[in-house]
Amino acid sequence: MKEIKELLTNIGMDVTIMIAGLIGALVMISKRSAFSIKTTVAGILTGMVSANYLTELVLSLFNLTESAKYGIAFLLGYGGLKFVEKVMNQIHKTLKGNDVSN
């Protein structure tokens, strides 16, 4: 088991963040009734991956403390691709604001 966790860590996966994202994705999926298996699996994976790779970014972008980490991971899992779009919009606004050529 230790080897699996070490492998996941080496490829940038945080198991606790992914679990928070998984729970958020499961809550979202449970709210809807007419999903195919393919859509359900895609939604769960998207939520987990979004939480894993975007939690630290969201904490930084919105100047949130480390204590918000698992809550943000849950919300990212819950929102999946919708939150990815919101984060991307915020990044574009931030970069545009820092662009000295404007």
C-alpha atoms as a PDB file:
ATOM      1  CA  MET A   1       0.000   0.000   0.000  1.00  0.00           C
ATOM      2  CA  LYS A   2       2.875   2.342   0.812  1.00  0.00           C
ATOM      3  CA  GLU A   3       4.282   1.827  -2.694  1.00  0.00           C
ATOM      4  CA  ILE A   4       0.980   2.834  -4.287  1.00  0.00           C
ATOM      5  CA  LYS A   5       0.795   6.032  -2.247  1.00  0.00           C
ATOM      6  CA  GLU A   6       4.422   6.790  -3.106  1.00  0.00           C
ATOM      7  CA  LEU A   7       3.729   6.216  -6.815  1.00  0.00           C
ATOM      8  CA  LEU A   8       0.690   8.508  -6.710  1.00  0.00           C
ATOM      9  CA  THR A   9       2.705  11.183  -4.909  1.00  0.00           C
ATOM     10  CA  ASN A  10       5.467  10.909  -7.520  1.00  0.00           C
ATOM     11  CA  ILE A  11       2.979  11.630 -10.314  1.00  0.00           C
ATOM     12  CA  GLY A  12       1.429  14.586  -8.502  1.00  0.00           C
ATOM     13  CA  MET A  13      -1.559  12.872  -6.920  1.00  0.00           C
ATOM     14  CA  ASP A  14      -2.599  13.740  -3.350  1.00  0.00           C
ATOM     15  CA  VAL A  15      -4.793  10.900  -2.093  1.00  0.00           C
ATOM     16  CA  THR A  16      -6.590  12.964   0.564  1.00  0.00           C
ATOM     17  CA  ILE A  17      -7.387  15.734  -1.908  1.00  0.00           C
ATOM     18  CA  MET A  18      -8.611  13.164  -4.428  1.00  0.00           C
ATOM     19  CA  ILE A  19     -10.883  11.586  -1.809  1.00  0.00           C
ATOM     20  CA  ALA A  20     -12.371  15.000  -1.005  1.00  0.00           C
ATOM     21  CA  GLY A  21     -12.930  15.533  -4.740  1.00  0.00           C
ATOM     22  CA  LEU A  22     -14.421  12.054  -5.067  1.00  0.00           C
ATOM     23  CA  ILE A  23     -16.920  12.736  -2.292  1.00  0.00           C
ATOM     24  CA  GLY A  24     -17.876  16.040  -3.916  1.00  0.00           C
ATOM     25  CA  ALA A  25     -18.343  14.303  -7.274  1.00  0.00           C
ATOM     26  CA  LEU A  26     -20.454  11.565  -5.685  1.00  0.00           C
ATOM     27  CA  VAL A  27     -22.694  14.161  -4.046  1.00  0.00           C
ATOM     28  CA  MET A  28     -23.173  15.864  -7.423  1.00  0.00           C
ATOM     29  CA  ILE A  29     -23.889  12.581  -9.196  1.00  0.00           C
ATOM     30  CA  SER A  30     -26.407  11.569  -6.519  1.00  0.00           C
ATOM     31  CA  LYS A  31     -28.409  14.734  -7.180  1.00  0.00           C
ATOM     32  CA  ARG A  32     -29.079  13.714 -10.779  1.00  0.00           C
ATOM     33  CA  SER A  33     -31.006  10.666 -11.817  1.00  0.00           C
ATOM     34  CA  ALA A  34     -30.658  10.150 -15.572  1.00  0.00           C
ATOM     35  CA  PHE A  35     -26.940   9.660 -16.119  1.00  0.00           C
ATOM     36  CA  SER A  36     -25.473   6.830 -18.143  1.00  0.00           C
ATOM     37  CA  ILE A  37     -22.651   4.791 -16.640  1.00  0.00           C
ATOM     38  CA  LYS A  38     -20.183   6.493 -18.990  1.00  0.00           C
ATOM     39  CA  THR A  39     -21.293   9.987 -17.920  1.00  0.00           C
ATOM     40  CA  THR A  40     -21.240   9.010 -14.253  1.00  0.00           C
ATOM     41  CA  VAL A  41     -17.698   7.628 -14.431  1.00  0.00           C
ATOM     42  CA  ALA A  42     -16.513  10.664 -16.421  1.00  0.00           C
ATOM     43  CA  GLY A  43     -18.081  13.016 -13.853  1.00  0.00           C
ATOM     44  CA  ILE A  44     -16.435  11.223 -10.950  1.00  0.00           C
ATOM     45  CA  LEU A  45     -13.005  11.148 -12.613  1.00  0.00           C
ATOM     46  CA  THR A  46     -13.288  14.784 -13.658  1.00  0.00           C
ATOM     47  CA  GLY A  47     -14.173  15.788 -10.109  1.00  0.00           C
ATOM     48  CA  MET A  48     -11.267  13.868  -8.620  1.00  0.00           C
ATOM     49  CA  VAL A  49      -8.718  15.153 -11.115  1.00  0.00           C
ATOM     50  CA  SER A  50     -10.025  18.733 -10.862  1.00  0.00           C
ATOM     51  CA  ALA A  51      -9.704  18.602  -7.094  1.00  0.00           C
ATOM     52  CA  ASN A  52      -6.240  17.073  -7.239  1.00  0.00           C
ATOM     53  CA  TYR A  53      -4.690  19.501  -9.678  1.00  0.00           C
ATOM     54  CA  LEU A  54      -6.623  22.711  -8.990  1.00  0.00           C
ATOM     55  CA  THR A  55      -6.971  22.901  -5.195  1.00  0.00           C
ATOM     56  CA  GLU A  56      -3.582  24.514  -4.568  1.00  0.00           C
ATOM     57  CA  LEU A  57      -4.087  26.843  -7.541  1.00  0.00           C
ATOM     58  CA  VAL A  58      -7.481  28.004  -6.249  1.00  0.00           C
ATOM     59  CA  LEU A  59      -6.055  28.543  -2.755  1.00  0.00           C
ATOM     60  CA  SER A  60      -3.373  30.742  -4.281  1.00  0.00           C
ATOM     61  CA  LEU A  61      -5.600  32.624  -6.749  1.00  0.00           C
ATOM     62  CA  PHE A  62      -8.130  33.571  -4.092  1.00  0.00           C
ATOM     63  CA  ASN A  63      -5.630  34.080  -1.247  1.00  0.00           C
ATOM     64  CA  LEU A  64      -7.212  31.319   0.837  1.00  0.00           C
ATOM     65  CA  THR A  65      -5.520  29.676   3.795  1.00  0.00           C
ATOM     66  CA  GLU A  66      -4.349  26.088   3.904  1.00  0.00           C
ATOM     67  CA  SER A  67      -7.223  25.310   6.279  1.00  0.00           C
ATOM     68  CA  ALA A  68      -9.624  25.698   3.321  1.00  0.00           C
ATOM     69  CA  LYS A  69      -7.845  23.004   1.289  1.00  0.00           C
ATOM     70  CA  TYR A  70     -10.228  20.082   1.810  1.00  0.00           C
ATOM     71  CA  GLY A  71     -13.322  22.235   1.465  1.00  0.00           C
ATOM     72  CA  ILE A  72     -12.031  23.619  -1.824  1.00  0.00           C
ATOM     73  CA  ALA A  73     -11.178  20.085  -2.988  1.00  0.00           C
ATOM     74  CA  PHE A  74     -14.738  18.975  -2.178  1.00  0.00           C
ATOM     75  CA  LEU A  75     -16.204  21.941  -4.075  1.00  0.00           C
ATOM     76  CA  LEU A  76     -13.960  21.304  -7.068  1.00  0.00           C
ATOM     77  CA  GLY A  77     -15.041  17.670  -7.074  1.00  0.00           C
ATOM     78  CA  TYR A  78     -18.654  18.753  -6.819  1.00  0.00           C
ATOM     79  CA  GLY A  79     -18.378  21.306  -9.604  1.00  0.00           C
ATOM     80  CA  GLY A  80     -16.070  19.354 -11.904  1.00  0.00           C
ATOM     81  CA  LEU A  81     -15.722  21.002 -15.307  1.00  0.00           C
ATOM     82  CA  LYS A  82     -17.873  23.988 -14.361  1.00  0.00           C
ATOM     83  CA  PHE A  83     -15.321  24.988 -11.736  1.00  0.00           C
ATOM     84  CA  VAL A  84     -12.448  24.353 -14.146  1.00  0.00           C
ATOM     85  CA  GLU A  85     -14.028  26.937 -16.474  1.00  0.00           C
ATOM     86  CA  LYS A  86     -14.384  29.418 -13.574  1.00  0.00           C
ATOM     87  CA  VAL A  87     -10.762  28.911 -12.542  1.00  0.00           C
ATOM     88  CA  MET A  88      -9.601  29.429 -16.129  1.00  0.00           C
ATOM     89  CA  ASN A  89     -11.612  32.659 -16.356  1.00  0.00           C
ATOM     90  CA  GLN A  90      -9.976  33.887 -13.150  1.00  0.00           C
ATOM     91  CA  ILE A  91      -6.525  33.011 -14.480  1.00  0.00           C
ATOM     92  CA  HIS A  92      -7.223  34.936 -17.690  1.00  0.00           C
ATOM     93  CA  LYS A  93      -8.393  37.972 -15.680  1.00  0.00           C
ATOM     94  CA  THR A  94      -5.324  37.786 -13.442  1.00  0.00           C
ATOM     95  CA  LEU A  95      -2.937  37.485 -16.386  1.00  0.00           C
ATOM     96  CA  LYS A  96      -4.666  40.276 -18.260  1.00  0.00           C
ATOM     97  CA  GLY A  97      -4.358  42.497 -15.178  1.00  0.00           C
ATOM     98  CA  ASN A  98      -0.630  41.750 -14.952  1.00  0.00           C
ATOM     99  CA  ASP A  99      -0.006  42.382 -18.662  1.00  0.00           C
ATOM    100  CA  VAL A 100       2.143  45.512 -18.892  1.00  0.00           C
ATOM    101  CA  SER A 101       1.600  45.775 -22.648  1.00  0.00           C
ATOM    102  CA  ASN A 102      -2.064  46.885 -22.191  1.00  0.00           C
END
